[in-house]
Amino acid sequence: MNQLNDLEASSSKRKELGPIDYDQLADLIFQKLRKTPLDKDVIWNADDCAEYLRVKRRQFIDRISKKPGFPMPLNCGCKWLKSEVIAWVKKR
């Protein structure tokens, strides 16, 4: 990441660095953008789950979320880990 900081330096400092290597810059940007949360870290609410399962929100809450084997909601209420919901669907 130190290289990215160098590329973000002021214009006077850039003159000292010489020409910008755009391939290197693109690689550094890609690496930074790639650090998105993994599926195991993404939290879905009832709307997200219903959309993924292609059902209405009410059907998801009243029926699907209460099925045996469906992932338990997180401690914060009506929220589930995306990875657990997808794994449940794949098991069926």
Foldseek 3Di string as FASTA:
>chain_A
DVVQVQVVDDPVSVVVVPDDDVVVVVVVVVVVVVPDDDLQPDKDALVRLCVVVVHDSVCCVPPVCPDPPQDDADPVPRMDRRVSSVVSVVVD
